[in-house]
């Protein structure tokens, strides 16, 4: 009964998480967008959405797009800026577009402004209030970002230092530990917690708490493009390898493999390259080849299914509760029919199963054999597919974000085809297949090495030791710590 209740709680949590996901609609070239490759997203003060593409700037007013070509004739030299693509909007609704050593400035009607940069400045920043700051960069102390929070100005430098100024006077400075001098930076502000989240050189996500003056490393990955706070507790990062969800309270990071469209289809998150949350709470995502995606929290009316997923989950929960009640009633009835069955409760257990610790390894090994067993009736082609899939997963054991989409790409298959093949041949989903190989590898490391549980989780590709423990409990009925203690 306890396990049944646990399943019910997990299902309820699944429903809650489902309700917090987003469903997206697409705005592409058929709607007037100049290109389906969107590099950056921003909102003007009048509510229009700015979407920059490789060669143009598009303004979406909710019904149509206005575009202007971004060429070298309208650009200004910005010798002090070496960073990546960055877009600002100031109080006057002017749009500032910075690229490596180049600057474009447009008014609210997208007319280029040629005299926006003073001769004394070689870089420009716009803070969260829309104030424009013209900077003369110091090559020995390069400024990467500038933000304002509660009347205090914070400057982020290439050496990892952040300085705080209040009323034009220096207040304090704190330096983060970086692997090397940074070149690019993207900072977003969490006004609720009075924190900043910074992407450094597109590979490191840091948190700076203005109340404690402390830096905290949140996440590392390749090619981190943009970060956006979607609500008071959640942020999303879009990277080359897909999207990541961050719980701002626990700082837990989870991969998001795909996003759902209003027609019921899905787009792999590896096709996304930027994310932005507007003032109305809408989430906008730019993609490489699907244009501009507008998202809202999913609800039954926004799904394309005839029966919303929440109703399906509710039916499943009711069925589980009913089965649990029937099982409990049958167990009680059996005890009432055989009142002498429990007079010697230890007799059968003593005769049937040894209670010595030496029995546990054999139990674990038998469960692993069951977990990794393959039907003997596989055709040579199917057996080769399973062998290749196993090899790909084993080669990427140390990669936490090696998802089903990546496995399908390596096998030159689509996700749906791989799912059908796996369930038909092995009776398990691709996700369960990958997890079983990770669990098996983790067991071998625990039994044959002196690594800690955290080290085993990292080398087996689990996102955390707690998630590995969950997989162990579901697949083997044991925790890694139990196996680790017995091995010692």
Protein backbone atom coordinates (compact mmCIF):
# COMPACT_ATOMS: atom_id res chain seq x y z
CA UNK A 1 0.00 0.00 0.00
CA UNK A 2 2.84 2.41 0.77
CA UNK A 3 4.31 1.86 -2.68
CA UNK A 4 0.88 2.42 -4.25
CA UNK A 5 0.52 5.72 -2.42
CA UNK A 6 3.99 6.68 -3.64
CA UNK A 7 2.98 6.01 -7.24
CA UNK A 8 -0.11 8.17 -6.79
CA UNK A 9 1.99 11.06 -5.46
CA UNK A 10 4.39 10.73 -8.41
CA UNK A 11 1.49 10.81 -10.86
CA UNK A 12 0.02 13.88 -9.20
CA UNK A 13 3.40 15.59 -9.46
CA UNK A 14 3.52 14.62 -13.13
CA UNK A 15 0.18 16.35 -13.70
CA UNK A 16 1.46 19.47 -11.96
CA UNK A 17 4.62 19.52 -14.06
CA UNK A 18 2.56 18.97 -17.19
CA UNK A 19 0.45 22.02 -16.42
CA UNK A 20 3.57 24.17 -16.08
CA UNK A 21 4.88 23.30 -19.56
CA UNK A 22 4.37 25.51 -22.59
CA UNK A 23 2.62 24.97 -25.88
CA UNK A 24 3.93 27.04 -28.81
CA UNK A 25 2.55 28.54 -31.99
CA UNK A 26 4.85 29.41 -34.90
CA UNK A 27 5.39 32.72 -36.71
CA UNK A 28 7.51 32.09 -39.81
CA UNK A 29 8.08 33.34 -43.34
CA UNK A 30 4.48 32.55 -44.23
CA UNK A 31 3.48 35.22 -41.69
CA UNK A 32 5.89 37.80 -43.13
CA UNK A 33 9.02 36.96 -41.11
CA UNK A 34 12.13 37.71 -43.17
CA UNK A 35 13.83 34.42 -42.20
CA UNK A 36 13.02 31.30 -40.18
CA UNK A 37 16.35 31.65 -38.37
CA UNK A 38 15.83 33.96 -35.37
CA UNK A 39 18.93 35.10 -33.45
CA UNK A 40 17.57 37.35 -30.72
CA UNK A 41 14.20 38.47 -29.29
CA UNK A 42 13.24 41.66 -27.43
CA UNK A 43 10.09 43.66 -26.66
CA UNK A 44 9.70 47.38 -27.32
CA UNK A 45 7.88 49.65 -24.87
CA UNK A 46 4.84 49.76 -27.16
CA UNK A 47 4.48 45.96 -26.95
CA UNK A 48 5.90 45.02 -30.35
CA UNK A 49 8.28 42.05 -30.46
CA UNK A 50 11.67 42.50 -32.10
CA UNK A 51 13.12 39.40 -33.79
CA UNK A 52 16.56 39.77 -35.33
CA UNK A 53 17.55 37.39 -38.11
CA UNK A 54 20.97 37.02 -39.78
CA UNK A 55 20.35 39.89 -42.23
CA UNK A 56 17.24 41.71 -41.01
CA UNK A 57 15.32 43.07 -38.05
CA UNK A 58 11.63 42.16 -37.84
CA UNK A 59 8.92 43.81 -35.73
CA UNK A 60 5.85 41.67 -34.94
CA UNK A 61 2.78 43.65 -33.86
CA UNK A 62 0.58 40.61 -33.27
CA UNK A 63 -0.77 40.51 -36.82
CA UNK A 64 2.01 41.30 -39.28
CA UNK A 65 5.76 41.82 -39.57
CA UNK A 66 7.72 44.93 -40.53
CA UNK A 67 11.27 44.22 -41.69
CA UNK A 68 14.38 46.23 -42.37
CA UNK A 69 17.62 44.91 -43.80
CA UNK A 70 20.62 45.15 -41.46
CA UNK A 71 23.62 45.84 -43.67
CA UNK A 72 27.11 47.29 -43.34
CA UNK A 73 26.04 50.66 -44.79
CA UNK A 74 24.02 51.49 -41.69
CA UNK A 75 26.47 50.10 -39.13
CA UNK A 76 28.87 52.09 -36.97
CA UNK A 77 32.32 50.96 -35.77
CA UNK A 78 32.28 49.80 -32.15
CA UNK A 79 35.94 49.14 -31.51
CA UNK A 80 35.58 48.54 -27.77
CA UNK A 81 33.12 45.63 -28.04
CA UNK A 82 34.42 42.13 -28.79
CA UNK A 83 31.45 40.15 -27.51
CA UNK A 84 28.66 38.22 -29.21
CA UNK A 85 25.30 39.41 -30.50
CA UNK A 86 23.48 41.71 -28.03
CA UNK A 87 20.28 43.79 -28.40
CA UNK A 88 18.93 46.57 -26.13
CA UNK A 89 15.95 48.93 -26.11
CA UNK A 90 16.23 52.29 -24.30
CA UNK A 91 13.68 54.67 -22.79
CA UNK A 92 13.17 56.43 -26.12
CA UNK A 93 12.20 53.09 -27.75
CA UNK A 94 15.44 53.14 -29.73
CA UNK A 95 16.86 49.77 -30.67
CA UNK A 96 20.59 49.12 -30.17
CA UNK A 97 22.14 46.08 -31.87
CA UNK A 98 25.72 45.17 -30.98
CA UNK A 99 27.84 42.62 -32.77
CA UNK A 100 31.59 42.10 -32.68
CA UNK A 101 33.00 45.64 -33.24
CA UNK A 102 29.80 46.80 -34.98
CA UNK A 103 26.78 48.84 -33.85
CA UNK A 104 23.36 49.51 -35.37
CA UNK A 105 20.89 52.00 -33.87
CA UNK A 106 17.26 52.46 -34.98
CA UNK A 107 14.40 54.63 -33.85
CA UNK A 108 10.93 53.27 -33.04
CA UNK A 109 10.03 53.25 -36.78
CA UNK A 110 13.21 51.27 -37.60
CA UNK A 111 14.91 54.24 -39.23
CA UNK A 112 18.71 54.00 -38.83
CA UNK A 113 20.41 56.62 -36.65
CA UNK A 114 23.92 57.51 -37.78
CA UNK A 115 25.04 59.92 -35.02
CA UNK A 116 24.11 57.89 -31.94
CA UNK A 117 27.66 57.16 -30.70
CA UNK A 118 29.81 60.02 -29.32
CA UNK A 119 33.41 60.26 -30.52
CA UNK A 120 34.63 59.83 -26.95
CA UNK A 121 33.02 56.36 -26.61
CA UNK A 122 33.84 53.02 -28.19
CA UNK A 123 31.13 50.93 -26.48
CA UNK A 124 27.53 51.37 -25.28
CA UNK A 125 25.26 49.67 -22.72
CA UNK A 126 21.58 50.04 -21.82
CA UNK A 127 20.47 49.01 -18.31
CA UNK A 128 17.15 47.51 -17.15
CA UNK A 129 15.60 50.99 -16.77
CA UNK A 130 16.45 51.92 -20.37
CA UNK A 131 19.22 54.38 -19.48
CA UNK A 132 22.04 54.53 -22.06
CA UNK A 133 25.69 54.50 -20.91
CA UNK A 134 28.49 55.36 -23.34
CA UNK A 135 31.76 53.73 -22.30
CA UNK A 136 35.41 54.17 -23.18
CA UNK A 137 36.75 50.64 -22.69
CA UNK A 138 39.92 50.01 -20.75
CA UNK A 139 41.70 47.05 -22.36
CA UNK A 140 43.29 46.12 -19.02
CA UNK A 141 39.92 46.05 -17.23
CA UNK A 142 37.34 45.23 -19.90
CA UNK A 143 33.67 45.85 -19.08
CA UNK A 144 31.32 43.09 -20.32
CA UNK A 145 27.90 44.05 -18.90
CA UNK A 146 26.13 46.78 -16.96
CA UNK A 147 22.95 46.43 -14.88
CA UNK A 148 20.93 48.55 -12.45
CA UNK A 149 18.98 47.10 -9.50
CA UNK A 150 17.19 49.14 -6.80
CA UNK A 151 19.12 52.29 -7.68
CA UNK A 152 22.53 50.58 -7.54
CA UNK A 153 24.67 50.08 -10.63
CA UNK A 154 26.51 46.78 -11.13
CA UNK A 155 29.35 46.41 -13.62
CA UNK A 156 30.57 42.98 -14.74
CA UNK A 157 34.17 42.73 -15.95
CA UNK A 158 36.14 40.23 -18.03
CA UNK A 159 38.20 39.03 -15.06
CA UNK A 160 35.05 37.88 -13.20
CA UNK A 161 34.79 40.97 -11.02
CA UNK A 162 31.51 42.74 -10.32
CA UNK A 163 31.54 46.24 -8.82
CA UNK A 164 28.63 47.97 -7.12
CA UNK A 165 28.16 51.75 -7.23
CA UNK A 166 25.49 53.71 -5.39
CA UNK A 167 24.85 57.36 -6.09
CA UNK A 168 27.95 57.50 -8.30
CA UNK A 169 30.20 56.28 -5.48
CA UNK A 170 32.02 52.95 -5.27
CA UNK A 171 30.40 50.57 -2.77
CA UNK A 172 32.12 47.15 -3.07
CA UNK A 173 33.50 44.61 -5.54
CA UNK A 174 33.48 40.79 -5.59
CA UNK A 175 35.32 38.56 -8.02
CA UNK A 176 34.11 35.22 -9.39
CA UNK A 177 36.54 32.42 -10.11
CA UNK A 178 36.79 32.01 -13.90
CA UNK A 179 38.83 29.52 -15.90
CA UNK A 180 40.22 32.36 -18.02
CA UNK A 181 39.54 35.97 -18.93
CA UNK A 182 36.04 36.19 -20.37
CA UNK A 183 35.09 37.63 -23.75
CA UNK A 184 31.29 37.42 -23.87
CA UNK A 185 28.62 37.94 -21.22
CA UNK A 186 24.84 37.94 -20.93
CA UNK A 187 23.24 39.02 -17.63
CA UNK A 188 19.57 38.85 -16.60
CA UNK A 189 18.13 40.30 -13.39
CA UNK A 190 16.06 38.50 -10.76
CA UNK A 191 14.46 41.46 -8.98
CA UNK A 192 12.50 39.19 -6.59
CA UNK A 193 15.57 37.57 -5.05
CA UNK A 194 17.90 40.49 -5.85
CA UNK A 195 20.20 38.30 -7.88
CA UNK A 196 21.88 38.33 -11.29
CA UNK A 197 22.35 35.32 -13.56
CA UNK A 198 25.29 35.58 -15.95
CA UNK A 199 26.28 33.44 -18.94
CA UNK A 200 30.05 33.72 -19.36
CA UNK A 201 31.70 32.84 -22.69
CA UNK A 202 28.61 30.75 -23.59
CA UNK A 203 29.78 27.90 -21.35
CA UNK A 204 29.22 28.89 -17.71
CA UNK A 205 26.11 30.03 -15.83
CA UNK A 206 26.83 31.97 -12.61
CA UNK A 207 24.58 33.48 -9.96
CA UNK A 208 25.47 36.63 -8.02
CA UNK A 209 23.48 37.38 -4.86
CA UNK A 210 23.52 41.12 -4.13
CA UNK A 211 22.42 40.56 -0.52
CA UNK A 212 25.19 38.12 0.42
CA UNK A 213 27.74 39.36 -2.15
CA UNK A 214 28.42 35.74 -3.16
CA UNK A 215 28.98 34.06 -6.53
CA UNK A 216 27.57 30.56 -7.15
CA UNK A 217 28.18 28.33 -10.16
CA UNK A 218 24.85 26.98 -11.47
CA UNK A 219 25.61 25.13 -14.67
CA UNK A 220 28.24 24.32 -17.30
CA UNK A 221 27.65 23.24 -20.90
CA UNK A 222 28.78 24.01 -24.44
CA UNK A 223 27.37 27.01 -26.33
CA UNK A 224 24.93 28.47 -23.83
CA UNK A 225 23.06 31.01 -25.96
CA UNK A 226 20.51 32.87 -23.82
CA UNK A 227 18.80 32.70 -20.43
CA UNK A 228 15.35 33.98 -19.45
CA UNK A 229 13.32 34.00 -16.22
CA UNK A 230 9.83 32.74 -17.08
CA UNK A 231 8.32 33.07 -13.60
CA UNK A 232 9.32 33.72 -9.98
CA UNK A 233 10.85 30.24 -9.57
CA UNK A 234 11.98 29.12 -13.01
CA UNK A 235 14.55 30.07 -15.63
CA UNK A 236 15.31 28.47 -18.98
CA UNK A 237 18.61 28.32 -20.83
CA UNK A 238 18.81 27.63 -24.57
CA UNK A 239 22.05 26.04 -25.75
CA UNK A 240 23.49 24.25 -28.76
CA UNK A 241 22.50 20.89 -27.27
CA UNK A 242 18.95 21.91 -26.29
CA UNK A 243 16.99 23.64 -23.57
CA UNK A 244 17.60 23.45 -19.81
CA UNK A 245 15.17 24.27 -17.00
CA UNK A 246 16.53 25.76 -13.75
CA UNK A 247 14.69 25.74 -10.44
CA UNK A 248 15.83 29.06 -8.98
CA UNK A 249 15.06 27.91 -5.42
CA UNK A 250 16.98 24.61 -5.40
CA UNK A 251 19.28 25.51 -8.35
CA UNK A 252 18.45 22.11 -9.86
CA UNK A 253 18.97 21.88 -13.63
CA UNK A 254 16.87 19.58 -15.85
CA UNK A 255 17.10 19.02 -19.63
CA UNK A 256 14.07 19.71 -21.84
CA UNK A 257 14.27 17.41 -24.87
CA UNK A 258 11.50 18.91 -26.98
CA UNK A 259 8.76 21.52 -27.03
CA UNK A 260 5.12 21.00 -28.00
CA UNK A 261 3.35 22.89 -30.78
CA UNK A 262 -0.34 23.79 -30.89
CA UNK A 263 -0.95 21.20 -33.64
CA UNK A 264 0.31 18.40 -31.36
CA UNK A 265 3.70 18.05 -33.05
CA UNK A 266 7.05 18.45 -31.29
CA UNK A 267 10.29 20.30 -32.06
CA UNK A 268 13.60 19.12 -30.69
CA UNK A 269 15.03 21.69 -28.30
CA UNK A 270 18.38 21.41 -30.10
CA UNK A 271 16.71 23.41 -32.92
CA UNK A 272 16.19 26.40 -30.57
CA UNK A 273 18.76 29.16 -30.07
CA UNK A 274 17.23 32.01 -28.00
CA UNK A 275 14.48 32.59 -25.42
CA UNK A 276 12.75 35.69 -24.05
CA UNK A 277 9.86 36.41 -21.64
CA UNK A 278 7.79 39.51 -22.39
CA UNK A 279 5.98 41.76 -19.91
CA UNK A 280 2.71 39.80 -20.31
CA UNK A 281 4.33 36.51 -19.33
CA UNK A 282 4.46 35.11 -22.86
CA UNK A 283 7.55 33.01 -23.61
CA UNK A 284 9.12 33.64 -27.02
CA UNK A 285 11.64 31.23 -28.50
CA UNK A 286 13.78 31.73 -31.59
CA UNK A 287 14.74 28.72 -33.68
CA UNK A 288 17.18 27.84 -36.43
CA UNK A 289 14.54 26.75 -38.95
CA UNK A 290 11.04 27.08 -37.42
CA UNK A 291 10.88 30.86 -37.12
CA UNK A 292 9.60 32.66 -34.03
CA UNK A 293 7.71 30.55 -31.47
CA UNK A 294 5.21 32.09 -29.05
CA UNK A 295 4.36 30.05 -25.97
CA UNK A 296 1.92 30.12 -23.09
CA UNK A 297 1.45 27.65 -20.20
CA UNK A 298 -0.34 24.62 -21.66
CA UNK A 299 -3.97 23.95 -20.80
CA UNK A 300 -6.55 21.38 -21.98
CA UNK A 301 -8.02 23.86 -24.48
CA UNK A 302 -4.59 24.46 -26.08
CA UNK A 303 -3.74 20.81 -26.71
CA UNK A 304 -4.56 19.07 -29.93
CA UNK A 305 -5.63 15.82 -28.27
CA UNK A 306 -9.36 14.91 -28.08
CA UNK A 307 -8.82 13.98 -24.42
CA UNK A 308 -6.52 16.28 -22.40
CA UNK A 309 -3.58 14.54 -20.81
CA UNK A 310 -4.77 15.62 -17.35
CA UNK A 311 -7.98 13.60 -17.77
CA UNK A 312 -5.99 10.57 -18.90
CA UNK A 313 -3.76 10.82 -15.83
CA UNK A 314 -6.82 11.17 -13.59
CA UNK A 315 -8.26 7.96 -15.05
CA UNK A 316 -4.95 6.18 -14.47
CA UNK A 317 -4.86 7.33 -10.83
CA UNK A 318 -8.42 6.18 -10.21
CA UNK A 319 -7.61 2.78 -11.74
CA UNK A 320 -4.51 2.40 -9.56
CA UNK A 321 -6.44 3.30 -6.42
CA UNK A 322 -9.14 0.78 -7.32
CA UNK A 323 -6.60 -1.97 -7.96
CA UNK A 324 -4.82 -1.16 -4.69
CA UNK A 325 -8.09 -1.38 -2.78
CA UNK A 326 -8.97 -4.73 -4.40
CA UNK A 327 -5.51 -6.12 -3.62
CA UNK A 328 -5.72 -4.96 -0.01
CA UNK A 329 -9.22 -6.47 0.34
CA UNK A 330 -8.10 -9.83 -1.12
CA UNK A 331 -5.13 -9.92 1.24
CA UNK A 332 -7.34 -9.29 4.27
CA UNK A 333 -9.83 -11.91 3.07
CA UNK A 334 -7.07 -14.48 2.67
CA UNK A 335 -5.88 -13.84 6.22
CA UNK A 336 -9.43 -14.26 7.55
CA UNK A 337 -9.87 -17.55 5.69
CA UNK A 338 -6.55 -18.90 7.03
CA UNK A 339 -6.15 -17.57 10.59
CA UNK A 340 -3.23 -19.97 11.35
CA UNK A 341 -1.13 -18.65 8.49
CA UNK A 342 0.65 -16.11 10.69
CA UNK A 343 1.27 -18.28 13.76
CA UNK A 344 4.91 -18.75 12.70
CA UNK A 345 5.67 -15.83 10.42
CA UNK A 346 9.41 -16.52 10.28
CA UNK A 347 9.24 -20.16 9.30
CA UNK A 348 8.81 -19.74 5.55
CA UNK A 349 11.23 -16.83 5.29
CA UNK A 350 13.93 -18.75 7.16
CA UNK A 351 13.58 -21.76 4.91
CA UNK A 352 13.12 -20.02 1.57
CA UNK A 353 15.50 -17.01 1.56
CA UNK A 354 18.83 -16.63 3.36
CA UNK A 355 19.08 -13.38 5.26
CA UNK A 356 22.85 -13.11 5.10
CA UNK A 357 24.41 -10.14 3.36
CA UNK A 358 26.07 -12.48 0.84
CA UNK A 359 22.71 -13.04 -0.86
CA UNK A 360 22.35 -9.43 -1.97
CA UNK A 361 24.90 -9.39 -4.81
CA UNK A 362 23.22 -12.37 -6.45
CA UNK A 363 19.87 -10.61 -6.12
CA UNK A 364 21.24 -7.45 -7.73
CA UNK A 365 22.89 -9.46 -10.51
CA UNK A 366 19.69 -11.34 -11.24
CA UNK A 367 17.77 -8.09 -11.49
CA UNK A 368 20.42 -6.64 -13.76
CA UNK A 369 20.18 -9.70 -15.98
CA UNK A 370 16.42 -9.22 -16.18
CA UNK A 371 16.84 -5.49 -16.78
CA UNK A 372 19.29 -5.96 -19.66
CA UNK A 373 17.85 -9.16 -21.15
CA UNK A 374 17.04 -9.19 -24.85
CA UNK A 375 14.55 -11.46 -26.65
CA UNK A 376 16.33 -14.36 -28.30
CA UNK A 377 13.98 -14.24 -31.32
CA UNK A 378 15.46 -11.02 -32.72
CA UNK A 379 16.32 -10.99 -36.39
CA UNK A 380 19.96 -10.31 -37.37
CA UNK A 381 19.00 -6.77 -38.45
CA UNK A 382 17.22 -6.05 -35.15
CA UNK A 383 20.08 -7.55 -33.15
CA UNK A 384 22.54 -5.30 -34.99
CA UNK A 385 20.35 -2.27 -34.22
CA UNK A 386 20.30 -3.07 -30.50
CA UNK A 387 24.06 -3.66 -30.55
CA UNK A 388 24.67 -0.28 -32.23
CA UNK A 389 22.27 1.49 -29.86
CA UNK A 390 24.03 -0.08 -26.86
CA UNK A 391 27.41 0.99 -28.23
CA UNK A 392 26.28 4.60 -28.75
CA UNK A 393 24.88 4.84 -25.21
CA UNK A 394 28.02 3.31 -23.68
CA UNK A 395 30.20 5.76 -25.62
CA UNK A 396 28.19 8.64 -24.16
CA UNK A 397 27.81 7.40 -20.59
CA UNK A 398 29.56 10.47 -19.22
CA UNK A 399 27.22 12.78 -21.16
CA UNK A 400 24.16 13.61 -18.95
CA UNK A 401 22.28 15.23 -21.83
CA UNK A 402 22.57 12.22 -24.18
CA UNK A 403 18.84 12.00 -24.85
CA UNK A 404 16.60 9.79 -26.94
CA UNK A 405 16.74 12.43 -29.70
CA UNK A 406 20.54 12.18 -29.81
CA UNK A 407 20.39 8.37 -29.90
CA UNK A 408 17.84 8.49 -32.73
CA UNK A 409 20.09 10.87 -34.69
CA UNK A 410 23.11 8.60 -34.19
CA UNK A 411 21.05 5.65 -35.46
CA UNK A 412 19.75 7.74 -38.41
CA UNK A 413 16.18 7.27 -37.23
CA UNK A 414 13.40 9.53 -36.05
CA UNK A 415 12.23 9.47 -32.44
CA UNK A 416 8.89 7.81 -33.26
CA UNK A 417 10.49 5.03 -35.30
CA UNK A 418 13.03 4.32 -32.56
CA UNK A 419 10.26 4.20 -29.94
CA UNK A 420 8.26 1.66 -31.98
CA UNK A 421 11.33 -0.48 -32.65
CA UNK A 422 12.46 -0.55 -29.01
CA UNK A 423 9.04 -1.32 -27.57
CA UNK A 424 8.46 -4.07 -30.14
CA UNK A 425 11.87 -5.72 -29.81
CA UNK A 426 12.62 -5.24 -26.11
CA UNK A 427 9.30 -4.30 -24.53
CA UNK A 428 10.85 -1.10 -23.14
CA UNK A 429 11.00 2.52 -24.26
CA UNK A 430 14.24 4.13 -25.53
CA UNK A 431 14.38 6.15 -22.30
CA UNK A 432 14.20 2.96 -20.22
CA UNK A 433 16.81 1.37 -22.52
CA UNK A 434 19.30 4.20 -21.95
CA UNK A 435 18.57 4.23 -18.24
CA UNK A 436 19.12 0.47 -17.88
CA UNK A 437 22.58 0.77 -19.45
CA UNK A 438 23.45 3.65 -17.11
CA UNK A 439 22.22 1.69 -14.07
CA UNK A 440 24.21 -1.38 -15.14
CA UNK A 441 27.36 0.72 -15.56
CA UNK A 442 26.81 2.38 -12.17
CA UNK A 443 26.47 -1.02 -10.45
CA UNK A 444 29.74 -2.17 -12.01
CA UNK A 445 31.50 0.98 -10.79
CA UNK A 446 30.16 0.54 -7.25
CA UNK A 447 31.17 -3.12 -7.14
CA UNK A 448 34.59 -2.76 -8.74
CA UNK A 449 35.87 0.71 -7.77
CA UNK A 450 36.22 2.91 -4.70
CA UNK A 451 34.39 5.87 -6.25
CA UNK A 452 31.85 7.81 -4.20
CA UNK A 453 28.17 7.74 -5.09
CA UNK A 454 28.41 11.25 -6.56
CA UNK A 455 31.40 10.24 -8.72
CA UNK A 456 29.59 7.11 -9.88
CA UNK A 457 26.56 9.23 -10.87
CA UNK A 458 28.76 11.61 -12.87
CA UNK A 459 30.62 8.83 -14.70
CA UNK A 460 27.37 6.99 -15.45
CA UNK A 461 25.71 10.03 -17.00
CA UNK A 462 23.10 10.74 -14.34
CA UNK A 463 22.26 14.41 -13.84
CA UNK A 464 22.56 14.00 -10.06
CA UNK A 465 23.11 11.37 -7.36
CA UNK A 466 19.49 11.73 -6.26
CA UNK A 467 18.22 10.95 -9.75
CA UNK A 468 20.51 7.90 -9.92
CA UNK A 469 19.09 6.73 -6.59
CA UNK A 470 15.59 7.06 -8.01
CA UNK A 471 16.52 4.95 -11.06
CA UNK A 472 18.16 2.30 -8.83
CA UNK A 473 15.04 2.13 -6.67
CA UNK A 474 12.77 1.70 -9.68
CA UNK A 475 14.92 -0.79 -11.61
CA UNK A 476 16.64 -2.78 -8.83
CA UNK A 477 14.58 -2.10 -5.73
CA UNK A 478 17.77 -0.97 -3.95
CA UNK A 479 19.54 2.33 -3.36
CA UNK A 480 23.13 2.88 -4.52
CA UNK A 481 24.10 3.60 -0.92
CA UNK A 482 22.85 0.15 0.16
CA UNK A 483 24.95 -1.55 -2.49
CA UNK A 484 27.91 0.68 -1.67
CA UNK A 485 27.76 -0.22 2.05
CA UNK A 486 27.56 -3.95 1.31
CA UNK A 487 30.48 -3.68 -1.09
CA UNK A 488 32.57 -1.98 1.62
